[in-house]
């Protein structure tokens, strides 16, 4: 609640939601507004707001029916539609943020009401830190829990109230109707992430395809429309690059470039790059310097690598090899119980999320197929998310770990547990990646998210089976784990040993 109480002062126009609003006095005024009818909600067209709702034209603060009697600055935009309720009640909206397929909850998504126009999302690596306010001058803001649920309090009252749901550069802007002094429950169809550019913003993604881990099929199960998957010269938000190893996978159209082009000169166009296992080590004739992937991550890029794509880390540019102690490329460990580390709140959220989605039958444990014992331990400040329990004389083996880049970025130790945000975009990072605050993030999974393709020459999307997210086979435990790690990879940067940070309002 703001430091001064606001109320709407009007005559008969109080009955209609379309009336003009005004800032009130310091005396609390309890009001009751009628529901707008139907389900109390109104959806938008998925496009970013142009700011017309915030120009004051709908909120006449002057005229014979309005008066400002306090000495505080006048309210601005949707501030003028916030109300004070009797008896400690509040005006709020609640809901659950889901993936585009409406199947699984999205953890740590940002939900807020903008009080200004949203800036267009710029693609490419960038420093997106949780300590920075999102676009649009948020009026009220929160984040989702492991179950995807959220409650947004102190909501402005009226019709066509803008609402933004965002994780990383995945953003949906819609509109809702809010009744005063009550909880306004939102339908899940309104609070899922967009599945195509007509519904909102998607990150610009690239997949270096590999037949042993068809990550493109996983993104399809998450709910991204087939129209968004295109060759690297297309207009979709998921660009498919041809693998160069023994287990190649093909895209569904002409013009697909080899993944060497992606790693060599195309990384700067993407927000996140997914490197799928190709069933073997990368082609030894691949002359792409490993520093390209490190530099991309240092500048704010998000990188995922599965199994043999550990090449970019284990044999990567310094200091990436030092992020873990490696055990070589070991044999398959099939259908093995894996322990979810729960030292930090984000790890505890993963354990809860896996249980809630049916990926595990016991909190803190999940049985995964097709594991590889390649990582002995993660080196702090890298975080080991899952481990294979000790077997005889063998130490625990790390199944998945993440680290931020530049790797040596230090936590500032402030009360918010955030990272030092005094340097922009990683531009000050030295050639060894050892300077500057964290901007990007790298995730390694020593397992395959999807089943190996039986015929690597079958084009996408036929290789995935089914028809879109509705007809696709059910997600496996491996795929559900990968979905959680995928959205975490794209979330804003903070100290992951601390509780999730709710970004500031301004």
Protein backbone atom coordinates (compact mmCIF):
# COMPACT_ATOMS: atom_id res chain seq x y z
CA UNK A 1 0.00 0.00 0.00
CA UNK A 2 1.24 3.48 -0.77
CA UNK A 3 2.14 5.96 1.94
CA UNK A 4 -1.05 7.86 1.40
CA UNK A 5 -4.50 6.39 0.94
CA UNK A 6 -6.30 6.94 -2.33
CA UNK A 7 -9.96 6.69 -3.10
CA UNK A 8 -12.17 7.33 -6.05
CA UNK A 9 -14.52 10.29 -5.70
CA UNK A 10 -17.40 10.50 -8.07
CA UNK A 11 -21.16 10.70 -8.15
CA UNK A 12 -23.39 8.29 -10.05
CA UNK A 13 -20.44 7.35 -12.25
CA UNK A 14 -19.18 5.07 -9.45
CA UNK A 15 -21.64 2.45 -10.68
CA UNK A 16 -19.99 2.21 -14.11
CA UNK A 17 -16.45 0.94 -14.56
CA UNK A 18 -15.95 3.28 -17.48
CA UNK A 19 -16.20 6.41 -15.32
CA UNK A 20 -13.33 8.80 -14.74
CA UNK A 21 -11.27 8.28 -11.60
CA UNK A 22 -9.54 10.74 -9.33
CA UNK A 23 -7.07 10.83 -6.45
CA UNK A 24 -8.74 11.15 -3.05
CA UNK A 25 -8.05 12.40 0.43
CA UNK A 26 -6.18 10.96 3.39
CA UNK A 27 -9.47 9.60 4.76
CA UNK A 28 -10.03 5.99 3.75
CA UNK A 29 -13.05 5.50 1.53
CA UNK A 30 -14.46 2.00 1.25
CA UNK A 31 -16.03 1.30 -2.13
CA UNK A 32 -17.61 -1.63 -3.90
CA UNK A 33 -17.58 -1.91 -7.66
CA UNK A 34 -19.71 -4.34 -9.66
CA UNK A 35 -18.16 -7.23 -11.58
CA UNK A 36 -17.89 -6.57 -15.28
CA UNK A 37 -19.91 -9.69 -16.02
CA UNK A 38 -19.03 -13.08 -17.45
CA UNK A 39 -15.96 -14.59 -15.79
CA UNK A 40 -14.73 -11.18 -14.69
CA UNK A 41 -11.81 -11.31 -17.09
CA UNK A 42 -10.91 -9.75 -20.40
CA UNK A 43 -8.03 -11.00 -22.48
CA UNK A 44 -5.78 -8.89 -24.65
CA UNK A 45 -4.41 -9.65 -28.06
CA UNK A 46 -0.97 -10.67 -26.82
CA UNK A 47 0.76 -7.59 -28.19
CA UNK A 48 2.92 -5.33 -26.06
CA UNK A 49 1.15 -2.33 -24.58
CA UNK A 50 1.60 0.92 -26.46
CA UNK A 51 1.16 3.08 -23.39
CA UNK A 52 -2.32 4.37 -24.27
CA UNK A 53 -3.67 3.07 -20.98
CA UNK A 54 -1.25 5.26 -19.07
CA UNK A 55 -1.64 8.66 -20.72
CA UNK A 56 -4.21 9.84 -18.16
CA UNK A 57 -6.98 10.23 -20.72
CA UNK A 58 -9.12 7.64 -18.91
CA UNK A 59 -8.47 9.08 -15.48
CA UNK A 60 -9.61 12.70 -15.25
CA UNK A 61 -8.19 13.97 -11.96
CA UNK A 62 -9.88 17.35 -12.31
CA UNK A 63 -13.39 18.62 -12.94
CA UNK A 64 -16.28 19.27 -10.56
CA UNK A 65 -16.45 15.67 -9.23
CA UNK A 66 -12.82 15.37 -8.12
CA UNK A 67 -10.62 17.05 -5.60
CA UNK A 68 -7.14 16.46 -4.23
CA UNK A 69 -7.02 17.40 -0.58
CA UNK A 70 -3.65 16.01 0.46
CA UNK A 71 -0.25 17.55 -0.09
CA UNK A 72 1.34 14.41 -1.54
CA UNK A 73 2.20 14.27 -5.24
CA UNK A 74 -0.79 13.34 -7.40
CA UNK A 75 -1.23 9.72 -8.40
CA UNK A 76 -0.03 8.66 -11.83
CA UNK A 77 -1.81 6.36 -14.26
CA UNK A 78 -3.03 3.15 -12.65
CA UNK A 79 -1.98 4.36 -9.20
CA UNK A 80 -5.21 6.33 -9.29
CA UNK A 81 -7.17 3.06 -9.45
CA UNK A 82 -5.69 1.52 -6.31
CA UNK A 83 -8.12 1.54 -3.39
CA UNK A 84 -8.10 1.12 0.38
CA UNK A 85 -10.43 -1.58 1.69
CA UNK A 86 -12.12 -1.91 5.10
CA UNK A 87 -11.20 -4.59 7.61
CA UNK A 88 -7.72 -5.30 6.30
CA UNK A 89 -9.01 -6.70 3.01
CA UNK A 90 -7.02 -6.23 -0.18
CA UNK A 91 -7.67 -6.15 -3.90
CA UNK A 92 -5.72 -8.96 -5.50
CA UNK A 93 -5.50 -11.35 -8.43
CA UNK A 94 -4.28 -14.93 -8.18
CA UNK A 95 -3.48 -17.68 -10.63
CA UNK A 96 -0.99 -20.25 -11.86
CA UNK A 97 1.63 -19.66 -14.55
CA UNK A 98 1.92 -22.69 -16.83
CA UNK A 99 4.04 -23.64 -19.82
CA UNK A 100 2.54 -22.97 -23.27
CA UNK A 101 1.11 -26.50 -23.39
CA UNK A 102 -0.85 -25.89 -20.15
CA UNK A 103 0.81 -28.99 -18.67
CA UNK A 104 3.44 -27.99 -16.12
CA UNK A 105 3.84 -25.00 -13.78
CA UNK A 106 6.58 -22.43 -14.35
CA UNK A 107 8.68 -21.62 -11.29
CA UNK A 108 10.11 -18.16 -10.56
CA UNK A 109 8.20 -16.37 -13.32
CA UNK A 110 7.61 -12.64 -12.81
CA UNK A 111 4.01 -11.37 -12.69
CA UNK A 112 3.30 -7.66 -12.56
CA UNK A 113 1.08 -4.74 -13.51
CA UNK A 114 2.94 -2.17 -15.63
CA UNK A 115 2.23 1.50 -15.07
CA UNK A 116 3.82 2.55 -18.33
CA UNK A 117 4.48 1.22 -21.82
CA UNK A 118 6.51 -1.96 -22.26
CA UNK A 119 9.77 -1.68 -24.15
CA UNK A 120 10.31 -4.03 -27.07
CA UNK A 121 12.43 -7.05 -26.18
CA UNK A 122 15.88 -6.98 -27.77
CA UNK A 123 17.33 -10.31 -28.76
CA UNK A 124 20.88 -11.43 -28.23
CA UNK A 125 23.01 -11.84 -25.09
CA UNK A 126 22.25 -9.28 -22.39
CA UNK A 127 22.64 -8.79 -18.65
CA UNK A 128 19.16 -9.39 -17.25
CA UNK A 129 19.47 -9.28 -13.47
CA UNK A 130 16.73 -9.80 -10.93
CA UNK A 131 17.90 -6.66 -9.12
CA UNK A 132 16.75 -4.56 -12.09
CA UNK A 133 13.12 -3.51 -12.55
CA UNK A 134 11.36 -5.00 -15.58
CA UNK A 135 10.09 -2.81 -18.39
CA UNK A 136 6.93 -0.78 -17.85
CA UNK A 137 7.44 0.76 -14.37
CA UNK A 138 5.75 -2.06 -12.42
CA UNK A 139 3.04 -0.90 -10.03
CA UNK A 140 2.79 -4.21 -8.17
CA UNK A 141 4.97 -7.27 -8.76
CA UNK A 142 5.57 -10.81 -7.50
CA UNK A 143 7.06 -14.16 -8.56
CA UNK A 144 5.63 -17.68 -8.81
CA UNK A 145 6.33 -20.56 -6.43
CA UNK A 146 7.36 -24.11 -7.31
CA UNK A 147 3.68 -24.84 -8.05
CA UNK A 148 3.50 -21.88 -10.45
CA UNK A 149 1.02 -20.08 -8.19
CA UNK A 150 1.08 -16.34 -7.53
CA UNK A 151 -0.93 -13.69 -5.72
CA UNK A 152 -0.59 -10.07 -6.81
CA UNK A 153 -1.82 -7.64 -4.14
CA UNK A 154 -2.80 -3.95 -4.13
CA UNK A 155 -4.18 -4.25 -7.63
CA UNK A 156 -5.72 -1.30 -9.44
CA UNK A 157 -9.49 -1.68 -9.91
CA UNK A 158 -11.34 -1.63 -13.21
CA UNK A 159 -11.51 -3.17 -16.66
CA UNK A 160 -8.60 -3.76 -19.04
CA UNK A 161 -6.00 -3.71 -16.29
CA UNK A 162 -2.70 -4.69 -17.95
CA UNK A 163 -0.97 -7.81 -16.63
CA UNK A 164 2.46 -9.12 -17.65
CA UNK A 165 3.78 -12.66 -17.18
CA UNK A 166 7.48 -13.04 -17.91
CA UNK A 167 10.46 -15.31 -17.45
CA UNK A 168 13.60 -14.15 -19.18
CA UNK A 169 12.58 -12.94 -22.63
CA UNK A 170 9.43 -15.06 -22.66
CA UNK A 171 6.65 -12.52 -22.05
CA UNK A 172 2.89 -12.41 -22.30
CA UNK A 173 0.98 -9.15 -21.95
CA UNK A 174 -2.76 -9.39 -21.43
CA UNK A 175 -5.61 -7.51 -19.72
CA UNK A 176 -7.90 -8.44 -16.85
CA UNK A 177 -10.92 -7.06 -15.03
CA UNK A 178 -10.40 -6.49 -11.31
CA UNK A 179 -13.15 -6.08 -8.71
CA UNK A 180 -12.30 -4.11 -5.56
CA UNK A 181 -11.45 -5.61 -2.18
CA UNK A 182 -11.58 -9.27 -3.26
CA UNK A 183 -9.50 -12.04 -4.76
CA UNK A 184 -9.88 -12.18 -8.53
CA UNK A 185 -8.94 -15.70 -9.66
CA UNK A 186 -7.56 -15.84 -13.20
CA UNK A 187 -8.15 -18.76 -15.57
CA UNK A 188 -5.09 -20.81 -16.53
CA UNK A 189 -5.63 -20.09 -20.21
CA UNK A 190 -4.84 -16.47 -19.39
CA UNK A 191 -1.74 -17.14 -17.33
CA UNK A 192 0.18 -19.60 -19.51
CA UNK A 193 3.24 -18.52 -21.48
CA UNK A 194 2.76 -17.71 -25.19
CA UNK A 195 3.25 -20.53 -27.67
CA UNK A 196 3.83 -18.26 -30.68
CA UNK A 197 4.65 -14.67 -31.53
CA UNK A 198 0.98 -13.82 -32.08
CA UNK A 199 0.36 -14.40 -28.36
CA UNK A 200 3.40 -12.57 -27.04
CA UNK A 201 7.19 -12.55 -26.92
CA UNK A 202 9.39 -15.63 -27.12
CA UNK A 203 13.16 -15.76 -26.67
CA UNK A 204 15.21 -16.20 -29.82
CA UNK A 205 16.55 -19.74 -29.53
CA UNK A 206 18.97 -21.89 -31.48
CA UNK A 207 19.33 -25.67 -31.31
CA UNK A 208 22.48 -27.47 -32.44
CA UNK A 209 20.62 -30.69 -33.25
CA UNK A 210 21.73 -34.18 -32.28
CA UNK A 211 19.98 -37.51 -32.74
CA UNK A 212 20.81 -38.75 -29.24
CA UNK A 213 18.98 -35.87 -27.58
CA UNK A 214 16.25 -34.35 -29.79
CA UNK A 215 15.71 -31.18 -27.78
CA UNK A 216 13.52 -29.74 -30.52
CA UNK A 217 10.94 -32.43 -29.67
CA UNK A 218 11.06 -31.41 -26.00
CA UNK A 219 10.33 -27.76 -26.87
CA UNK A 220 7.42 -28.97 -28.97
CA UNK A 221 6.04 -30.87 -25.96
CA UNK A 222 6.44 -27.76 -23.82
CA UNK A 223 3.96 -26.21 -26.23
CA UNK A 224 5.83 -24.10 -28.77
CA UNK A 225 3.91 -24.03 -32.05
CA UNK A 226 5.40 -25.86 -35.03
CA UNK A 227 5.36 -22.57 -36.94
CA UNK A 228 8.07 -21.24 -34.61
CA UNK A 229 10.55 -23.98 -35.61
CA UNK A 230 12.37 -22.93 -38.75
CA UNK A 231 15.71 -23.39 -40.44
CA UNK A 232 18.36 -20.93 -39.41
CA UNK A 233 17.33 -18.54 -42.19
CA UNK A 234 13.64 -18.54 -41.18
CA UNK A 235 11.45 -16.20 -39.14
CA UNK A 236 10.63 -18.55 -36.27
CA UNK A 237 11.87 -18.19 -32.71
CA UNK A 238 13.54 -21.64 -32.68
CA UNK A 239 16.25 -21.95 -35.31
CA UNK A 240 17.42 -25.47 -36.11
CA UNK A 241 21.08 -26.05 -36.98
CA UNK A 242 22.34 -29.27 -38.51
CA UNK A 243 24.52 -31.39 -36.22
CA UNK A 244 27.99 -32.28 -37.43
CA UNK A 245 28.70 -35.44 -35.40
CA UNK A 246 27.85 -39.08 -36.02
CA UNK A 247 24.24 -38.71 -34.89
CA UNK A 248 22.83 -35.96 -37.06
CA UNK A 249 19.25 -34.73 -37.08
CA UNK A 250 17.53 -32.81 -39.82
CA UNK A 251 15.24 -29.82 -39.87
CA UNK A 252 11.99 -29.60 -41.72
CA UNK A 253 13.05 -27.31 -44.52
CA UNK A 254 15.79 -26.06 -46.79
CA UNK A 255 18.42 -23.58 -45.72
CA UNK A 256 19.50 -25.17 -42.45
CA UNK A 257 23.10 -24.30 -41.73
CA UNK A 258 25.59 -26.55 -39.93
CA UNK A 259 26.02 -26.03 -36.21
CA UNK A 260 29.60 -24.94 -36.86
CA UNK A 261 28.12 -21.77 -38.36
CA UNK A 262 26.11 -21.23 -35.18
CA UNK A 263 29.12 -21.60 -32.89
CA UNK A 264 31.44 -19.74 -35.23
CA UNK A 265 29.56 -16.54 -36.04
CA UNK A 266 25.83 -16.70 -35.25
CA UNK A 267 25.68 -16.88 -31.46
CA UNK A 268 25.15 -13.14 -31.02
CA UNK A 269 21.67 -13.34 -32.56
CA UNK A 270 20.29 -15.62 -29.84
CA UNK A 271 19.10 -15.36 -26.25
CA UNK A 272 19.60 -19.07 -25.53
CA UNK A 273 21.53 -21.82 -27.34
CA UNK A 274 20.76 -25.52 -26.77
CA UNK A 275 23.54 -27.94 -27.72
CA UNK A 276 22.09 -31.45 -28.11
CA UNK A 277 24.18 -34.59 -27.76
CA UNK A 278 25.17 -35.95 -31.18
CA UNK A 279 25.99 -39.49 -29.91
CA UNK A 280 29.73 -38.80 -30.14
CA UNK A 281 32.31 -36.14 -29.44
CA UNK A 282 32.10 -33.14 -31.80
CA UNK A 283 33.73 -33.60 -35.17
CA UNK A 284 37.51 -33.33 -34.70
CA UNK A 285 37.61 -31.30 -37.89
CA UNK A 286 35.49 -28.66 -36.19
CA UNK A 287 37.83 -25.68 -36.12
CA UNK A 288 35.49 -23.37 -34.19
CA UNK A 289 37.42 -21.93 -31.23
CA UNK A 290 35.85 -22.92 -27.91
CA UNK A 291 36.22 -19.32 -26.74
CA UNK A 292 33.18 -18.30 -28.82
CA UNK A 293 30.77 -20.10 -26.48
CA UNK A 294 32.52 -18.77 -23.37
CA UNK A 295 32.45 -15.21 -24.68
CA UNK A 296 28.77 -15.53 -25.61
CA UNK A 297 27.91 -16.64 -22.07
CA UNK A 298 30.06 -13.89 -20.53
CA UNK A 299 28.03 -11.30 -22.43
CA UNK A 300 24.72 -12.62 -21.11
CA UNK A 301 23.95 -15.61 -23.34
CA UNK A 302 22.31 -18.73 -21.93
CA UNK A 303 23.88 -22.07 -22.90
CA UNK A 304 22.69 -25.64 -22.37
CA UNK A 305 24.88 -28.62 -23.17
CA UNK A 306 23.94 -32.29 -22.91
CA UNK A 307 26.38 -35.20 -22.56
CA UNK A 308 28.96 -35.06 -25.38
CA UNK A 309 28.38 -31.34 -25.78
CA UNK A 310 30.38 -31.05 -22.55
CA UNK A 311 33.11 -30.31 -25.10
CA UNK A 312 32.30 -26.60 -24.74
CA UNK A 313 32.88 -26.82 -20.98
CA UNK A 314 35.27 -29.70 -20.29
CA UNK A 315 37.55 -28.77 -23.19
CA UNK A 316 36.30 -25.19 -23.24
CA UNK A 317 38.08 -21.89 -22.86
CA UNK A 318 39.32 -20.99 -19.38
CA UNK A 319 37.88 -20.90 -16.80
CA UNK A 320 35.04 -23.20 -18.00
CA UNK A 321 36.95 -26.50 -17.47
CA UNK A 322 37.47 -25.53 -13.82
CA UNK A 323 33.71 -25.35 -13.15
CA UNK A 324 33.71 -29.11 -12.40
CA UNK A 325 35.91 -32.12 -11.78
CA UNK A 326 35.48 -34.40 -14.76
CA UNK A 327 35.46 -38.19 -14.91
CA UNK A 328 35.86 -38.57 -18.65
CA UNK A 329 33.01 -39.88 -20.75
CA UNK A 330 31.71 -42.86 -18.78
CA UNK A 331 29.38 -45.70 -19.62
CA UNK A 332 25.60 -45.49 -19.46
CA UNK A 333 23.96 -45.74 -16.04
CA UNK A 334 20.40 -46.77 -16.89
CA UNK A 335 17.27 -46.18 -14.79
CA UNK A 336 19.13 -45.05 -11.72
CA UNK A 337 17.65 -43.20 -8.74
CA UNK A 338 19.06 -39.70 -8.52
CA UNK A 339 19.07 -37.45 -5.47
CA UNK A 340 17.99 -33.81 -5.75
CA UNK A 341 20.29 -31.65 -3.66
CA UNK A 342 18.26 -29.41 -1.35
CA UNK A 343 20.80 -27.08 0.23
CA UNK A 344 19.29 -23.99 -1.42
CA UNK A 345 15.74 -22.76 -1.95
CA UNK A 346 15.91 -23.17 -5.72
CA UNK A 347 16.97 -26.80 -5.31
CA UNK A 348 14.13 -27.37 -2.85
CA UNK A 349 11.77 -25.88 -5.43
CA UNK A 350 13.04 -28.38 -8.01
CA UNK A 351 12.34 -31.27 -5.62
CA UNK A 352 8.79 -29.98 -5.02
CA UNK A 353 8.23 -29.33 -8.74
CA UNK A 354 9.31 -32.83 -9.77
CA UNK A 355 6.96 -34.35 -7.20
CA UNK A 356 4.03 -32.13 -8.22
CA UNK A 357 4.43 -32.92 -11.94
CA UNK A 358 4.67 -36.65 -11.38
CA UNK A 359 8.31 -36.87 -12.44
CA UNK A 360 9.20 -38.34 -9.05
CA UNK A 361 7.30 -40.44 -6.53
CA UNK A 362 9.29 -39.27 -3.53
CA UNK A 363 10.36 -35.72 -2.83
CA UNK A 364 14.06 -35.33 -3.41
CA UNK A 365 14.47 -38.43 -5.57
CA UNK A 366 13.89 -39.09 -9.26
CA UNK A 367 14.62 -42.12 -11.43
CA UNK A 368 16.28 -41.11 -14.69
CA UNK A 369 17.19 -43.12 -17.76
CA UNK A 370 20.29 -42.90 -19.91
CA UNK A 371 22.58 -41.27 -17.34
CA UNK A 372 26.31 -40.68 -17.83
CA UNK A 373 28.84 -40.58 -14.96
CA UNK A 374 31.05 -37.83 -16.36
CA UNK A 375 31.12 -35.26 -13.54
CA UNK A 376 32.54 -36.01 -10.10
CA UNK A 377 31.70 -32.66 -8.52
CA UNK A 378 30.82 -29.07 -9.32
CA UNK A 379 33.27 -26.38 -8.27
CA UNK A 380 31.83 -23.51 -6.24
CA UNK A 381 30.23 -21.17 -7.07
CA UNK A 382 28.83 -23.67 -9.62
CA UNK A 383 25.78 -25.50 -8.23
CA UNK A 384 25.18 -29.26 -8.42
CA UNK A 385 21.43 -29.84 -8.71
CA UNK A 386 21.30 -33.65 -8.84
CA UNK A 387 23.67 -36.45 -7.90
CA UNK A 388 23.81 -40.23 -8.30
CA UNK A 389 24.19 -41.61 -4.75
CA UNK A 390 27.39 -43.36 -3.75
CA UNK A 391 27.82 -46.87 -5.16
CA UNK A 392 30.46 -48.89 -3.36
CA UNK A 393 33.71 -46.96 -3.44
CA UNK A 394 32.56 -44.46 -6.02
CA UNK A 395 31.80 -40.88 -4.96
CA UNK A 396 28.54 -39.19 -5.79
CA UNK A 397 28.34 -38.32 -9.47
CA UNK A 398 26.81 -35.02 -10.55
CA UNK A 399 23.93 -35.42 -13.01
CA UNK A 400 23.22 -31.74 -13.65
CA UNK A 401 24.97 -28.53 -12.65
CA UNK A 402 24.87 -24.85 -13.53
CA UNK A 403 27.19 -21.89 -13.28
CA UNK A 404 27.00 -18.21 -14.11
CA UNK A 405 29.33 -16.39 -16.46
CA UNK A 406 31.82 -14.83 -16.15
CA UNK A 407 32.51 -17.74 -13.81
CA UNK A 408 34.55 -15.80 -11.26
CA UNK A 409 31.82 -13.19 -10.72
CA UNK A 410 31.56 -12.44 -7.02
CA UNK A 411 28.42 -12.12 -4.93
CA UNK A 412 28.16 -8.63 -3.47
CA UNK A 413 26.99 -9.87 -0.07
CA UNK A 414 24.25 -7.25 0.12
CA UNK A 415 20.97 -7.74 1.94
CA UNK A 416 19.24 -8.75 -1.27
CA UNK A 417 21.75 -11.53 -1.95
CA UNK A 418 22.07 -10.15 -5.47
CA UNK A 419 25.03 -9.86 -7.76
CA UNK A 420 27.03 -6.73 -8.32
CA UNK A 421 25.33 -4.96 -11.22
CA UNK A 422 27.78 -2.16 -11.72
CA UNK A 423 29.18 -3.35 -15.04
CA UNK A 424 27.18 -3.60 -18.24
CA UNK A 425 26.69 -6.58 -20.52
CA UNK A 426 29.91 -8.32 -19.61
CA UNK A 427 31.80 -5.89 -21.82
CA UNK A 428 34.45 -5.50 -19.14
CA UNK A 429 35.08 -9.22 -18.85
CA UNK A 430 38.68 -10.07 -19.63
CA UNK A 431 39.75 -12.53 -22.34
CA UNK A 432 39.85 -15.36 -19.78
CA UNK A 433 36.35 -14.61 -18.55
CA UNK A 434 37.70 -13.71 -15.14
CA UNK A 435 36.40 -10.18 -14.65
CA UNK A 436 33.03 -8.48 -14.40
CA UNK A 437 29.75 -9.43 -12.71
CA UNK A 438 27.59 -12.36 -13.76
CA UNK A 439 25.58 -11.84 -16.92
CA UNK A 440 25.01 -15.25 -18.49
CA UNK A 441 24.35 -18.79 -17.40
CA UNK A 442 25.49 -22.26 -18.47
CA UNK A 443 23.73 -25.54 -17.66
CA UNK A 444 25.10 -29.03 -18.20
CA UNK A 445 22.97 -32.18 -18.15
CA UNK A 446 24.71 -35.57 -18.07
CA UNK A 447 21.58 -37.28 -19.35
CA UNK A 448 19.44 -37.20 -22.46
CA UNK A 449 16.15 -35.35 -22.20
CA UNK A 450 14.53 -37.33 -24.99
CA UNK A 451 14.80 -40.82 -26.44
CA UNK A 452 17.38 -41.42 -29.15
CA UNK A 453 15.92 -41.10 -32.62
CA UNK A 454 15.67 -44.43 -34.40
CA UNK A 455 16.17 -42.77 -37.78
CA UNK A 456 18.28 -39.65 -37.72
CA UNK A 457 17.34 -38.85 -41.31
CA UNK A 458 13.67 -38.23 -40.53
CA UNK A 459 12.88 -34.55 -40.70
CA UNK A 460 11.37 -32.42 -37.97
CA UNK A 461 8.60 -32.55 -36.81
CA UNK A 462 7.84 -36.11 -38.01
CA UNK A 463 10.76 -37.37 -35.92
CA UNK A 464 8.94 -36.33 -32.72
CA UNK A 465 5.74 -38.31 -33.22
CA UNK A 466 2.21 -37.09 -32.50
CA UNK A 467 0.76 -33.81 -33.63
CA UNK A 468 1.97 -30.77 -31.74
CA UNK A 469 1.81 -30.58 -27.95
CA UNK A 470 -1.69 -32.10 -27.85
CA UNK A 471 -0.78 -35.28 -29.71
CA UNK A 472 2.81 -35.71 -28.59
CA UNK A 473 3.74 -38.64 -26.35
CA UNK A 474 3.62 -37.94 -22.62
CA UNK A 475 6.68 -36.38 -21.06
CA UNK A 476 9.21 -38.69 -19.44
CA UNK A 477 10.89 -37.94 -16.11
CA UNK A 478 14.03 -36.94 -18.04
CA UNK A 479 12.04 -34.46 -20.13
CA UNK A 480 10.28 -32.93 -17.14
CA UNK A 481 13.61 -32.39 -15.40
CA UNK A 482 14.94 -30.75 -18.55
CA UNK A 483 11.88 -28.48 -18.74
CA UNK A 484 12.54 -27.15 -15.23
CA UNK A 485 16.23 -26.58 -16.03
CA UNK A 486 15.28 -24.93 -19.33
CA UNK A 487 13.11 -22.27 -17.71
CA UNK A 488 15.60 -21.76 -14.88
CA UNK A 489 18.30 -21.20 -17.50
CA UNK A 490 16.31 -18.32 -18.98
CA UNK A 491 15.32 -16.64 -15.70
CA UNK A 492 16.93 -13.40 -14.51
CA UNK A 493 20.38 -13.59 -12.92
CA UNK A 494 20.76 -13.61 -9.16
CA UNK A 495 22.78 -15.47 -6.55
CA UNK A 496 21.26 -18.94 -6.89
CA UNK A 497 22.29 -19.88 -3.36
CA UNK A 498 19.76 -17.33 -2.11
CA UNK A 499 15.97 -17.28 -2.20
CA UNK A 500 14.51 -16.00 -5.48
CA UNK A 501 14.56 -12.22 -5.69
CA UNK A 502 11.38 -10.34 -6.55
CA UNK A 503 12.53 -7.58 -8.93
CA UNK A 504 11.95 -4.01 -7.76
CA UNK A 505 8.94 -2.00 -8.88
CA UNK A 506 10.96 0.89 -10.29
